[in-house]
Amino acid sequence: MKNKFILFFFLLNFETYSQKIFSVDYASQSDIKVFVVSYESQSDLKVFKVDYQSQAKGNNGLWHFVNYRSQSDKNIYFVDYSSQSDLKIFFVKYKSQAGWRKKEKMHLMH
């Protein structure tokens, strides 16, 4: 019984990070400010947009954009200038290309 309790407690506290994203209208509403760069080499994170929420698991650049703020894990605001951003992203064409280029920024999406 004790082992089951410990296992349950561990699973309850186990944190999973998913990437359900909502794009807000104002910077003050956002968790992070994002700038889309023109070249992969300029990015902190390479992002692939997935079609379904179930595909947006982990903190690895697989983002699913949701229609409502209440459904999101992170609220982002797209800024006009790189200097205004917390995170620079580049949208990739293939799922296998997604991932972090600068691991020191990973905490922003937790």
PDB file of N, CA and C in Angstrom:
ATOM      1  N   MET A   1       0.819  -1.189   0.000  1.00  0.00           N
ATOM      2  CA  MET A   1       0.000   0.000   0.000  1.00  0.00           C
ATOM      3  C   MET A   1       0.872   1.265   0.000  1.00  0.00           C
ATOM      4  N   LYS A   2       1.933   1.227   0.791  1.00  0.00           N
ATOM      5  CA  LYS A   2       2.836   2.372   0.874  1.00  0.00           C
ATOM      6  C   LYS A   2       3.469   2.653  -0.498  1.00  0.00           C
ATOM      7  N   ASN A   3       3.865   1.585  -1.205  1.00  0.00           N
ATOM      8  CA  ASN A   3       4.481   1.745  -2.519  1.00  0.00           C
ATOM      9  C   ASN A   3       3.505   2.365  -3.517  1.00  0.00           C
ATOM     10  N   LYS A   4       2.242   1.981  -3.432  1.00  0.00           N
ATOM     11  CA  LYS A   4       1.231   2.549  -4.336  1.00  0.00           C
ATOM     12  C   LYS A   4       1.045   4.035  -4.058  1.00  0.00           C
ATOM     13  N   PHE A   5       1.059   4.400  -2.785  1.00  0.00           N
ATOM     14  CA  PHE A   5       0.918   5.807  -2.426  1.00  0.00           C
ATOM     15  C   PHE A   5       2.092   6.629  -2.953  1.00  0.00           C
ATOM     16  N   ILE A   6       3.288   6.114  -2.786  1.00  0.00           N
ATOM     17  CA  ILE A   6       4.488   6.804  -3.258  1.00  0.00           C
ATOM     18  C   ILE A   6       4.445   6.948  -4.779  1.00  0.00           C
ATOM     19  N   LEU A   7       4.066   5.897  -5.477  1.00  0.00           N
ATOM     20  CA  LEU A   7       3.964   5.951  -6.932  1.00  0.00           C
ATOM     21  C   LEU A   7       2.915   6.967  -7.360  1.00  0.00           C
ATOM     22  N   PHE A   8       1.757   6.957  -6.718  1.00  0.00           N
ATOM     23  CA  PHE A   8       0.698   7.908  -7.038  1.00  0.00           C
ATOM     24  C   PHE A   8       1.177   9.335  -6.820  1.00  0.00           C
ATOM     25  N   PHE A   9       1.843   9.595  -5.696  1.00  0.00           N
ATOM     26  CA  PHE A   9       2.349  10.924  -5.384  1.00  0.00           C
ATOM     27  C   PHE A   9       3.369  11.378  -6.424  1.00  0.00           C
ATOM     28  N   PHE A  10       4.242  10.458  -6.823  1.00  0.00           N
ATOM     29  CA  PHE A  10       5.246  10.776  -7.839  1.00  0.00           C
ATOM     30  C   PHE A  10       4.586  11.142  -9.167  1.00  0.00           C
ATOM     31  N   LEU A  11       3.627  10.359  -9.593  1.00  0.00           N
ATOM     32  CA  LEU A  11       2.947  10.620 -10.862  1.00  0.00           C
ATOM     33  C   LEU A  11       2.126  11.900 -10.821  1.00  0.00           C
ATOM     34  N   LEU A  12       1.587  12.205  -9.661  1.00  0.00           N
ATOM     35  CA  LEU A  12       0.813  13.419  -9.503  1.00  0.00           C
ATOM     36  C   LEU A  12       1.692  14.654  -9.665  1.00  0.00           C
ATOM     37  N   ASN A  13       2.908  14.568  -9.172  1.00  0.00           N
ATOM     38  CA  ASN A  13       3.821  15.702  -9.235  1.00  0.00           C
ATOM     39  C   ASN A  13       4.707  15.708 -10.475  1.00  0.00           C
ATOM     40  N   PHE A  14       4.616  14.686 -11.276  1.00  0.00           N
ATOM     41  CA  PHE A  14       5.432  14.609 -12.483  1.00  0.00           C
ATOM     42  C   PHE A  14       4.980  15.686 -13.460  1.00  0.00           C
ATOM     43  N   GLU A  15       5.879  16.538 -13.854  1.00  0.00           N
ATOM     44  CA  GLU A  15       5.517  17.642 -14.727  1.00  0.00           C
ATOM     45  C   GLU A  15       5.745  17.256 -16.182  1.00  0.00           C
ATOM     46  N   THR A  16       4.718  17.454 -16.970  1.00  0.00           N
ATOM     47  CA  THR A  16       4.865  17.296 -18.407  1.00  0.00           C
ATOM     48  C   THR A  16       4.658  18.661 -19.035  1.00  0.00           C
ATOM     49  N   TYR A  17       5.419  18.942 -20.014  1.00  0.00           N
ATOM     50  CA  TYR A  17       5.339  20.233 -20.672  1.00  0.00           C
ATOM     51  C   TYR A  17       4.801  20.017 -22.069  1.00  0.00           C
ATOM     52  N   SER A  18       3.738  20.719 -22.359  1.00  0.00           N
ATOM     53  CA  SER A  18       3.241  20.647 -23.723  1.00  0.00           C
ATOM     54  C   SER A  18       3.281  22.046 -24.314  1.00  0.00           C
ATOM     55  N   GLN A  19       3.037  22.124 -25.549  1.00  0.00           N
ATOM     56  CA  GLN A  19       3.228  23.366 -26.271  1.00  0.00           C
ATOM     57  C   GLN A  19       1.938  23.793 -26.963  1.00  0.00           C
ATOM     58  N   LYS A  20       0.893  23.966 -26.173  1.00  0.00           N
ATOM     59  CA  LYS A  20      -0.352  24.524 -26.697  1.00  0.00           C
ATOM     60  C   LYS A  20      -0.238  26.038 -26.553  1.00  0.00           C
ATOM     61  N   ILE A  21      -0.267  26.719 -27.675  1.00  0.00           N
ATOM     62  CA  ILE A  21       0.075  28.134 -27.744  1.00  0.00           C
ATOM     63  C   ILE A  21      -1.135  28.958 -28.147  1.00  0.00           C
ATOM     64  N   PHE A  22      -1.277  30.108 -27.495  1.00  0.00           N
ATOM     65  CA  PHE A  22      -2.292  31.085 -27.887  1.00  0.00           C
ATOM     66  C   PHE A  22      -1.591  32.409 -28.146  1.00  0.00           C
ATOM     67  N   SER A  23      -1.908  33.033 -29.254  1.00  0.00           N
ATOM     68  CA  SER A  23      -1.312  34.308 -29.621  1.00  0.00           C
ATOM     69  C   SER A  23      -2.221  35.433 -29.132  1.00  0.00           C
ATOM     70  N   VAL A  24      -1.723  36.229 -28.195  1.00  0.00           N
ATOM     71  CA  VAL A  24      -2.507  37.312 -27.596  1.00  0.00           C
ATOM     72  C   VAL A  24      -2.332  38.607 -28.395  1.00  0.00           C
ATOM     73  N   ASP A  25      -3.220  39.562 -28.130  1.00  0.00           N
ATOM     74  CA  ASP A  25      -3.215  40.823 -28.869  1.00  0.00           C
ATOM     75  C   ASP A  25      -2.293  41.889 -28.275  1.00  0.00           C
ATOM     76  N   TYR A  26      -1.954  41.737 -26.997  1.00  0.00           N
ATOM     77  CA  TYR A  26      -1.153  42.752 -26.320  1.00  0.00           C
ATOM     78  C   TYR A  26       0.009  42.103 -25.566  1.00  0.00           C
ATOM     79  N   ALA A  27       1.144  42.764 -25.557  1.00  0.00           N
ATOM     80  CA  ALA A  27       2.337  42.245 -24.893  1.00  0.00           C
ATOM     81  C   ALA A  27       2.089  42.012 -23.403  1.00  0.00           C
ATOM     82  N   SER A  28       1.281  42.854 -22.790  1.00  0.00           N
ATOM     83  CA  SER A  28       1.018  42.731 -21.352  1.00  0.00           C
ATOM     84  C   SER A  28       0.226  41.468 -21.002  1.00  0.00           C
ATOM     85  N   GLN A  29      -0.426  40.856 -21.983  1.00  0.00           N
ATOM     86  CA  GLN A  29      -1.199  39.631 -21.764  1.00  0.00           C
ATOM     87  C   GLN A  29      -0.349  38.374 -21.938  1.00  0.00           C
ATOM     88  N   SER A  30       0.864  38.538 -22.394  1.00  0.00           N
ATOM     89  CA  SER A  30       1.686  37.379 -22.781  1.00  0.00           C
ATOM     90  C   SER A  30       2.548  36.848 -21.650  1.00  0.00           C
ATOM     91  N   ASP A  31       2.886  35.570 -21.782  1.00  0.00           N
ATOM     92  CA  ASP A  31       3.887  34.955 -20.917  1.00  0.00           C
ATOM     93  C   ASP A  31       5.278  35.260 -21.447  1.00  0.00           C
ATOM     94  N   ILE A  32       5.393  35.212 -22.767  1.00  0.00           N
ATOM     95  CA  ILE A  32       6.676  35.541 -23.407  1.00  0.00           C
ATOM     96  C   ILE A  32       6.431  36.296 -24.711  1.00  0.00           C
ATOM     97  N   LYS A  33       7.431  37.101 -25.078  1.00  0.00           N
ATOM     98  CA  LYS A  33       7.386  37.842 -26.331  1.00  0.00           C
ATOM     99  C   LYS A  33       8.274  37.119 -27.343  1.00  0.00           C
ATOM    100  N   VAL A  34       7.743  36.914 -28.552  1.00  0.00           N
ATOM    101  CA  VAL A  34       8.406  36.089 -29.558  1.00  0.00           C
ATOM    102  C   VAL A  34       8.643  36.900 -30.832  1.00  0.00           C
ATOM    103  N   PHE A  35       9.802  36.680 -31.425  1.00  0.00           N
ATOM    104  CA  PHE A  35      10.116  37.288 -32.712  1.00  0.00           C
ATOM    105  C   PHE A  35      10.435  36.175 -33.706  1.00  0.00           C
ATOM    106  N   VAL A  36       9.849  36.255 -34.893  1.00  0.00           N
ATOM    107  CA  VAL A  36      10.095  35.256 -35.941  1.00  0.00           C
ATOM    108  C   VAL A  36      11.251  35.750 -36.799  1.00  0.00           C
ATOM    109  N   VAL A  37      12.340  34.995 -36.815  1.00  0.00           N
ATOM    110  CA  VAL A  37      13.535  35.372 -37.571  1.00  0.00           C
ATOM    111  C   VAL A  37      13.469  34.833 -38.995  1.00  0.00           C
ATOM    112  N   SER A  38      14.291  35.387 -39.844  1.00  0.00           N
ATOM    113  CA  SER A  38      14.298  34.998 -41.258  1.00  0.00           C
ATOM    114  C   SER A  38      15.153  33.778 -41.547  1.00  0.00           C
ATOM    115  N   TYR A  39      16.128  33.529 -40.677  1.00  0.00           N
ATOM    116  CA  TYR A  39      17.052  32.428 -40.910  1.00  0.00           C
ATOM    117  C   TYR A  39      17.145  31.535 -39.681  1.00  0.00           C
ATOM    118  N   GLU A  40      17.257  30.249 -39.915  1.00  0.00           N
ATOM    119  CA  GLU A  40      17.358  29.258 -38.842  1.00  0.00           C
ATOM    120  C   GLU A  40      18.500  29.571 -37.881  1.00  0.00           C
ATOM    121  N   SER A  41      19.617  30.029 -38.419  1.00  0.00           N
ATOM    122  CA  SER A  41      20.810  30.284 -37.605  1.00  0.00           C
ATOM    123  C   SER A  41      20.614  31.424 -36.605  1.00  0.00           C
ATOM    124  N   GLN A  42      19.599  32.248 -36.797  1.00  0.00           N
ATOM    125  CA  GLN A  42      19.326  33.357 -35.895  1.00  0.00           C
ATOM    126  C   GLN A  42      18.393  32.964 -34.746  1.00  0.00           C
ATOM    127  N   SER A  43      17.854  31.768 -34.798  1.00  0.00           N
ATOM    128  CA  SER A  43      16.802  31.373 -33.855  1.00  0.00           C
ATOM    129  C   SER A  43      17.336  30.756 -32.565  1.00  0.00           C
ATOM    130  N   ASP A  44      16.490  30.846 -31.541  1.00  0.00           N
ATOM    131  CA  ASP A  44      16.722  30.122 -30.295  1.00  0.00           C
ATOM    132  C   ASP A  44      16.021  28.762 -30.372  1.00  0.00           C
ATOM    133  N   LEU A  45      14.867  28.754 -31.055  1.00  0.00           N
ATOM    134  CA  LEU A  45      14.024  27.562 -31.150  1.00  0.00           C
ATOM    135  C   LEU A  45      13.496  27.418 -32.561  1.00  0.00           C
ATOM    136  N   LYS A  46      13.593  26.202 -33.089  1.00  0.00           N
ATOM    137  CA  LYS A  46      13.006  25.890 -34.388  1.00  0.00           C
ATOM    138  C   LYS A  46      11.643  25.253 -34.122  1.00  0.00           C
ATOM    139  N   VAL A  47      10.587  25.854 -34.667  1.00  0.00           N
ATOM    140  CA  VAL A  47       9.209  25.474 -34.354  1.00  0.00           C
ATOM    141  C   VAL A  47       8.540  24.822 -35.554  1.00  0.00           C
ATOM    142  N   PHE A  48       7.811  23.740 -35.268  1.00  0.00           N
ATOM    143  CA  PHE A  48       6.962  23.107 -36.271  1.00  0.00           C
ATOM    144  C   PHE A  48       5.533  23.157 -35.755  1.00  0.00           C
ATOM    145  N   LYS A  49       4.621  23.665 -36.576  1.00  0.00           N
ATOM    146  CA  LYS A  49       3.213  23.737 -36.184  1.00  0.00           C
ATOM    147  C   LYS A  49       2.552  22.393 -36.440  1.00  0.00           C
ATOM    148  N   VAL A  50       2.027  21.779 -35.378  1.00  0.00           N
ATOM    149  CA  VAL A  50       1.338  20.500 -35.506  1.00  0.00           C
ATOM    150  C   VAL A  50      -0.168  20.742 -35.605  1.00  0.00           C
ATOM    151  N   ASP A  51      -0.869  19.755 -36.157  1.00  0.00           N
ATOM    152  CA  ASP A  51      -2.297  19.892 -36.407  1.00  0.00           C
ATOM    153  C   ASP A  51      -3.170  19.558 -35.206  1.00  0.00           C
ATOM    154  N   TYR A  52      -2.658  18.733 -34.307  1.00  0.00           N
ATOM    155  CA  TYR A  52      -3.476  18.253 -33.195  1.00  0.00           C
ATOM    156  C   TYR A  52      -2.778  18.490 -31.860  1.00  0.00           C
ATOM    157  N   GLN A  53      -3.581  18.765 -30.818  1.00  0.00           N
ATOM    158  CA  GLN A  53      -3.035  19.001 -29.483  1.00  0.00           C
ATOM    159  C   GLN A  53      -2.207  17.830 -28.983  1.00  0.00           C
ATOM    160  N   SER A  54      -2.640  16.630 -29.320  1.00  0.00           N
ATOM    161  CA  SER A  54      -1.944  15.427 -28.845  1.00  0.00           C
ATOM    162  C   SER A  54      -0.527  15.311 -29.401  1.00  0.00           C
ATOM    163  N   GLN A  55      -0.227  16.020 -30.474  1.00  0.00           N
ATOM    164  CA  GLN A  55       1.113  15.987 -31.066  1.00  0.00           C
ATOM    165  C   GLN A  55       2.056  16.999 -30.415  1.00  0.00           C
ATOM    166  N   ALA A  56       1.516  17.896 -29.612  1.00  0.00           N
ATOM    167  CA  ALA A  56       2.302  18.971 -29.009  1.00  0.00           C
ATOM    168  C   ALA A  56       2.754  18.597 -27.612  1.00  0.00           C
ATOM    169  N   LYS A  57       3.493  17.525 -27.497  1.00  0.00           N
ATOM    170  CA  LYS A  57       3.988  17.052 -26.201  1.00  0.00           C
ATOM    171  C   LYS A  57       5.453  17.413 -26.039  1.00  0.00           C
ATOM    172  N   GLY A  58       5.823  17.706 -24.816  1.00  0.00           N
ATOM    173  CA  GLY A  58       7.222  17.999 -24.526  1.00  0.00           C
ATOM    174  C   GLY A  58       7.589  19.433 -24.827  1.00  0.00           C
ATOM    175  N   ASN A  59       8.818  19.745 -24.578  1.00  0.00           N
ATOM    176  CA  ASN A  59       9.359  21.088 -24.801  1.00  0.00           C
ATOM    177  C   ASN A  59      10.386  21.007 -25.925  1.00  0.00           C
ATOM    178  N   ASN A  60       9.910  20.645 -27.102  1.00  0.00           N
ATOM    179  CA  ASN A  60      10.830  20.382 -28.207  1.00  0.00           C
ATOM    180  C   ASN A  60      10.486  21.118 -29.493  1.00  0.00           C
ATOM    181  N   GLY A  61       9.668  22.160 -29.405  1.00  0.00           N
ATOM    182  CA  GLY A  61       9.382  22.973 -30.581  1.00  0.00           C
ATOM    183  C   GLY A  61       8.191  22.527 -31.404  1.00  0.00           C
ATOM    184  N   LEU A  62       7.413  21.587 -30.908  1.00  0.00           N
ATOM    185  CA  LEU A  62       6.192  21.180 -31.595  1.00  0.00           C
ATOM    186  C   LEU A  62       5.049  21.970 -30.983  1.00  0.00           C
ATOM    187  N   TRP A  63       4.553  22.957 -31.716  1.00  0.00           N
ATOM    188  CA  TRP A  63       3.538  23.866 -31.207  1.00  0.00           C
ATOM    189  C   TRP A  63       2.196  23.607 -31.857  1.00  0.00           C
ATOM    190  N   HIS A  64       1.159  23.665 -31.048  1.00  0.00           N
ATOM    191  CA  HIS A  64      -0.211  23.629 -31.549  1.00  0.00           C
ATOM    192  C   HIS A  64      -0.879  24.926 -31.123  1.00  0.00           C
ATOM    193  N   PHE A  65      -1.359  25.697 -32.092  1.00  0.00           N
ATOM    194  CA  PHE A  65      -2.020  26.960 -31.790  1.00  0.00           C
ATOM    195  C   PHE A  65      -3.493  26.689 -31.505  1.00  0.00           C
ATOM    196  N   VAL A  66      -3.935  27.095 -30.323  1.00  0.00           N
ATOM    197  CA  VAL A  66      -5.319  26.870 -29.904  1.00  0.00           C
ATOM    198  C   VAL A  66      -6.144  28.130 -30.151  1.00  0.00           C
ATOM    199  N   ASN A  67      -7.458  27.958 -30.158  1.00  0.00           N
ATOM    200  CA  ASN A  67      -8.360  29.066 -30.462  1.00  0.00           C
ATOM    201  C   ASN A  67      -8.731  29.911 -29.248  1.00  0.00           C
ATOM    202  N   TYR A  68      -8.531  29.361 -28.063  1.00  0.00           N
ATOM    203  CA  TYR A  68      -8.938  30.064 -26.847  1.00  0.00           C
ATOM    204  C   TYR A  68      -7.790  30.106 -25.848  1.00  0.00           C
ATOM    205  N   ARG A  69      -7.675  31.231 -25.184  1.00  0.00           N
ATOM    206  CA  ARG A  69      -6.606  31.440 -24.209  1.00  0.00           C
ATOM    207  C   ARG A  69      -6.652  30.400 -23.084  1.00  0.00           C
ATOM    208  N   SER A  70      -7.851  30.013 -22.688  1.00  0.00           N
ATOM    209  CA  SER A  70      -8.009  29.057 -21.586  1.00  0.00           C
ATOM    210  C   SER A  70      -7.496  27.661 -21.933  1.00  0.00           C
ATOM    211  N   GLN A  71      -7.307  27.380 -23.216  1.00  0.00           N
ATOM    212  CA  GLN A  71      -6.808  26.071 -23.652  1.00  0.00           C
ATOM    213  C   GLN A  71      -5.284  26.029 -23.718  1.00  0.00           C
ATOM    214  N   SER A  72      -4.646  27.162 -23.586  1.00  0.00           N
ATOM    215  CA  SER A  72      -3.207  27.238 -23.841  1.00  0.00           C
ATOM    216  C   SER A  72      -2.360  26.933 -22.625  1.00  0.00           C
ATOM    217  N   ASP A  73      -1.140  26.510 -22.916  1.00  0.00           N
ATOM    218  CA  ASP A  73      -0.112  26.353 -21.888  1.00  0.00           C
ATOM    219  C   ASP A  73       0.738  27.615 -21.810  1.00  0.00           C
ATOM    220  N   LYS A  74       0.894  28.270 -22.942  1.00  0.00           N
ATOM    221  CA  LYS A  74       1.670  29.509 -23.012  1.00  0.00           C
ATOM    222  C   LYS A  74       0.939  30.514 -23.886  1.00  0.00           C
ATOM    223  N   ASN A  75       0.938  31.765 -23.429  1.00  0.00           N
ATOM    224  CA  ASN A  75       0.389  32.876 -24.203  1.00  0.00           C
ATOM    225  C   ASN A  75       1.569  33.662 -24.749  1.00  0.00           C
ATOM    226  N   ILE A  76       1.612  33.824 -26.057  1.00  0.00           N
ATOM    227  CA  ILE A  76       2.748  34.525 -26.661  1.00  0.00           C
ATOM    228  C   ILE A  76       2.263  35.770 -27.396  1.00  0.00           C
ATOM    229  N   TYR A  77       3.167  36.704 -27.521  1.00  0.00           N
ATOM    230  CA  TYR A  77       2.913  37.922 -28.279  1.00  0.00           C
ATOM    231  C   TYR A  77       4.023  38.055 -29.307  1.00  0.00           C
ATOM    232  N   PHE A  78       3.653  38.238 -30.561  1.00  0.00           N
ATOM    233  CA  PHE A  78       4.637  38.402 -31.626  1.00  0.00           C
ATOM    234  C   PHE A  78       5.035  39.874 -31.709  1.00  0.00           C
ATOM    235  N   VAL A  79       6.310  40.141 -31.484  1.00  0.00           N
ATOM    236  CA  VAL A  79       6.836  41.511 -31.508  1.00  0.00           C
ATOM    237  C   VAL A  79       7.375  41.845 -32.892  1.00  0.00           C
ATOM    238  N   ASP A  80       7.561  43.140 -33.126  1.00  0.00           N
ATOM    239  CA  ASP A  80       8.021  43.617 -34.432  1.00  0.00           C
ATOM    240  C   ASP A  80       9.538  43.648 -34.576  1.00  0.00           C
ATOM    241  N   TYR A  81      10.233  43.677 -33.441  1.00  0.00           N
ATOM    242  CA  TYR A  81      11.684  43.796 -33.494  1.00  0.00           C
ATOM    243  C   TYR A  81      12.337  42.731 -32.614  1.00  0.00           C
ATOM    244  N   SER A  82      13.451  42.230 -33.064  1.00  0.00           N
ATOM    245  CA  SER A  82      14.198  41.201 -32.358  1.00  0.00           C
ATOM    246  C   SER A  82      14.578  41.635 -30.938  1.00  0.00           C
ATOM    247  N   SER A  83      14.934  42.894 -30.788  1.00  0.00           N
ATOM    248  CA  SER A  83      15.376  43.407 -29.489  1.00  0.00           C
ATOM    249  C   SER A  83      14.260  43.425 -28.435  1.00  0.00           C
ATOM    250  N   GLN A  84      13.017  43.341 -28.870  1.00  0.00           N
ATOM    251  CA  GLN A  84      11.876  43.338 -27.953  1.00  0.00           C
ATOM    252  C   GLN A  84      11.531  41.931 -27.461  1.00  0.00           C
ATOM    253  N   SER A  85      12.147  40.923 -28.031  1.00  0.00           N
ATOM    254  CA  SER A  85      11.719  39.541 -27.787  1.00  0.00           C
ATOM    255  C   SER A  85      12.458  38.869 -26.634  1.00  0.00           C
ATOM    256  N   ASP A  86      11.753  37.903 -26.052  1.00  0.00           N
ATOM    257  CA  ASP A  86      12.364  36.999 -25.085  1.00  0.00           C
ATOM    258  C   ASP A  86      12.915  35.773 -25.802  1.00  0.00           C
ATOM    259  N   LEU A  87      12.264  35.414 -26.915  1.00  0.00           N
ATOM    260  CA  LEU A  87      12.578  34.183 -27.640  1.00  0.00           C
ATOM    261  C   LEU A  87      12.501  34.434 -29.134  1.00  0.00           C
ATOM    262  N   LYS A  88      13.525  33.980 -29.850  1.00  0.00           N
ATOM    263  CA  LYS A  88      13.541  34.087 -31.314  1.00  0.00           C
ATOM    264  C   LYS A  88      13.252  32.704 -31.896  1.00  0.00           C
ATOM    265  N   ILE A  89      12.244  32.644 -32.783  1.00  0.00           N
ATOM    266  CA  ILE A  89      11.871  31.355 -33.363  1.00  0.00           C
ATOM    267  C   ILE A  89      11.975  31.388 -34.876  1.00  0.00           C
ATOM    268  N   PHE A  90      12.104  30.198 -35.432  1.00  0.00           N
ATOM    269  CA  PHE A  90      12.108  30.015 -36.877  1.00  0.00           C
ATOM    270  C   PHE A  90      11.158  28.857 -37.166  1.00  0.00           C
ATOM    271  N   PHE A  91      10.183  29.072 -38.058  1.00  0.00           N
ATOM    272  CA  PHE A  91       9.254  28.011 -38.413  1.00  0.00           C
ATOM    273  C   PHE A  91       9.890  27.095 -39.461  1.00  0.00           C
ATOM    274  N   VAL A  92       9.930  25.800 -39.149  1.00  0.00           N
ATOM    275  CA  VAL A  92      10.531  24.813 -40.049  1.00  0.00           C
ATOM    276  C   VAL A  92       9.440  24.077 -40.833  1.00  0.00           C
ATOM    277  N   LYS A  93       9.851  23.425 -41.918  1.00  0.00           N
ATOM    278  CA  LYS A  93       8.901  22.738 -42.797  1.00  0.00           C
ATOM    279  C   LYS A  93       8.584  21.323 -42.345  1.00  0.00           C
ATOM    280  N   TYR A  94       9.496  20.719 -41.602  1.00  0.00           N
ATOM    281  CA  TYR A  94       9.334  19.319 -41.227  1.00  0.00           C
ATOM    282  C   TYR A  94       9.438  19.144 -39.714  1.00  0.00           C
ATOM    283  N   LYS A  95       8.641  18.228 -39.201  1.00  0.00           N
ATOM    284  CA  LYS A  95       8.588  17.945 -37.769  1.00  0.00           C
ATOM    285  C   LYS A  95       9.961  17.564 -37.212  1.00  0.00           C
ATOM    286  N   SER A  96      10.720  16.812 -37.979  1.00  0.00           N
ATOM    287  CA  SER A  96      12.029  16.335 -37.527  1.00  0.00           C
ATOM    288  C   SER A  96      13.048  17.463 -37.362  1.00  0.00           C
ATOM    289  N   GLN A  97      12.783  18.625 -37.921  1.00  0.00           N
ATOM    290  CA  GLN A  97      13.698  19.753 -37.831  1.00  0.00           C
ATOM    291  C   GLN A  97      13.491  20.584 -36.568  1.00  0.00           C
ATOM    292  N   ALA A  98      12.378  20.391 -35.887  1.00  0.00           N
ATOM    293  CA  ALA A  98      12.049  21.189 -34.707  1.00  0.00           C
ATOM    294  C   ALA A  98      12.987  20.876 -33.551  1.00  0.00           C
ATOM    295  N   GLY A  99      13.246  21.892 -32.745  1.00  0.00           N
ATOM    296  CA  GLY A  99      14.084  21.680 -31.565  1.00  0.00           C
ATOM    297  C   GLY A  99      14.802  22.945 -31.147  1.00  0.00           C
ATOM    298  N   TRP A 100      15.452  22.842 -30.011  1.00  0.00           N
ATOM    299  CA  TRP A 100      16.160  23.978 -29.443  1.00  0.00           C
ATOM    300  C   TRP A 100      17.548  24.128 -30.059  1.00  0.00           C
ATOM    301  N   ARG A 101      17.893  25.345 -30.391  1.00  0.00           N
ATOM    302  CA  ARG A 101      19.252  25.664 -30.816  1.00  0.00           C
ATOM    303  C   ARG A 101      20.034  26.231 -29.633  1.00  0.00           C
ATOM    304  N   LYS A 102      19.340  26.957 -28.760  1.00  0.00           N
ATOM    305  CA  LYS A 102      19.974  27.554 -27.580  1.00  0.00           C
ATOM    306  C   LYS A 102      19.251  27.039 -26.345  1.00  0.00           C
ATOM    307  N   LYS A 103      19.830  26.045 -25.729  1.00  0.00           N
ATOM    308  CA  LYS A 103      19.200  25.357 -24.603  1.00  0.00           C
ATOM    309  C   LYS A 103      19.006  26.274 -23.380  1.00  0.00           C
ATOM    310  N   GLU A 104      19.775  27.344 -23.273  1.00  0.00           N
ATOM    311  CA  GLU A 104      19.630  28.227 -22.124  1.00  0.00           C
ATOM    312  C   GLU A 104      18.294  28.968 -22.114  1.00  0.00           C
ATOM    313  N   LYS A 105      17.564  28.936 -23.204  1.00  0.00           N
ATOM    314  CA  LYS A 105      16.251  29.586 -23.277  1.00  0.00           C
ATOM    315  C   LYS A 105      15.102  28.618 -23.035  1.00  0.00           C
ATOM    316  N   MET A 106      15.401  27.342 -22.822  1.00  0.00           N
ATOM    317  CA  MET A 106      14.361  26.321 -22.651  1.00  0.00           C
ATOM    318  C   MET A 106      13.393  26.634 -21.511  1.00  0.00           C
ATOM    319  N   HIS A 107      13.893  27.259 -20.470  1.00  0.00           N
ATOM    320  CA  HIS A 107      13.047  27.563 -19.312  1.00  0.00           C
ATOM    321  C   HIS A 107      11.868  28.467 -19.653  1.00  0.00           C
ATOM    322  N   LEU A 108      11.972  29.229 -20.740  1.00  0.00           N
ATOM    323  CA  LEU A 108      10.899  30.120 -21.129  1.00  0.00           C
ATOM    324  C   LEU A 108       9.615  29.377 -21.516  1.00  0.00           C
ATOM    325  N   MET A 109       9.760  28.163 -21.989  1.00  0.00           N
ATOM    326  CA  MET A 109       8.590  27.405 -22.441  1.00  0.00           C
ATOM    327  C   MET A 109       8.135  26.357 -21.427  1.00  0.00           C
ATOM    328  N   HIS A 110       8.668  26.381 -20.219  1.00  0.00           N
ATOM    329  CA  HIS A 110       8.211  25.456 -19.167  1.00  0.00           C
ATOM    330  C   HIS A 110       7.046  26.055 -18.435  1.00  0.00           C
TER     331      HIS A 110
END
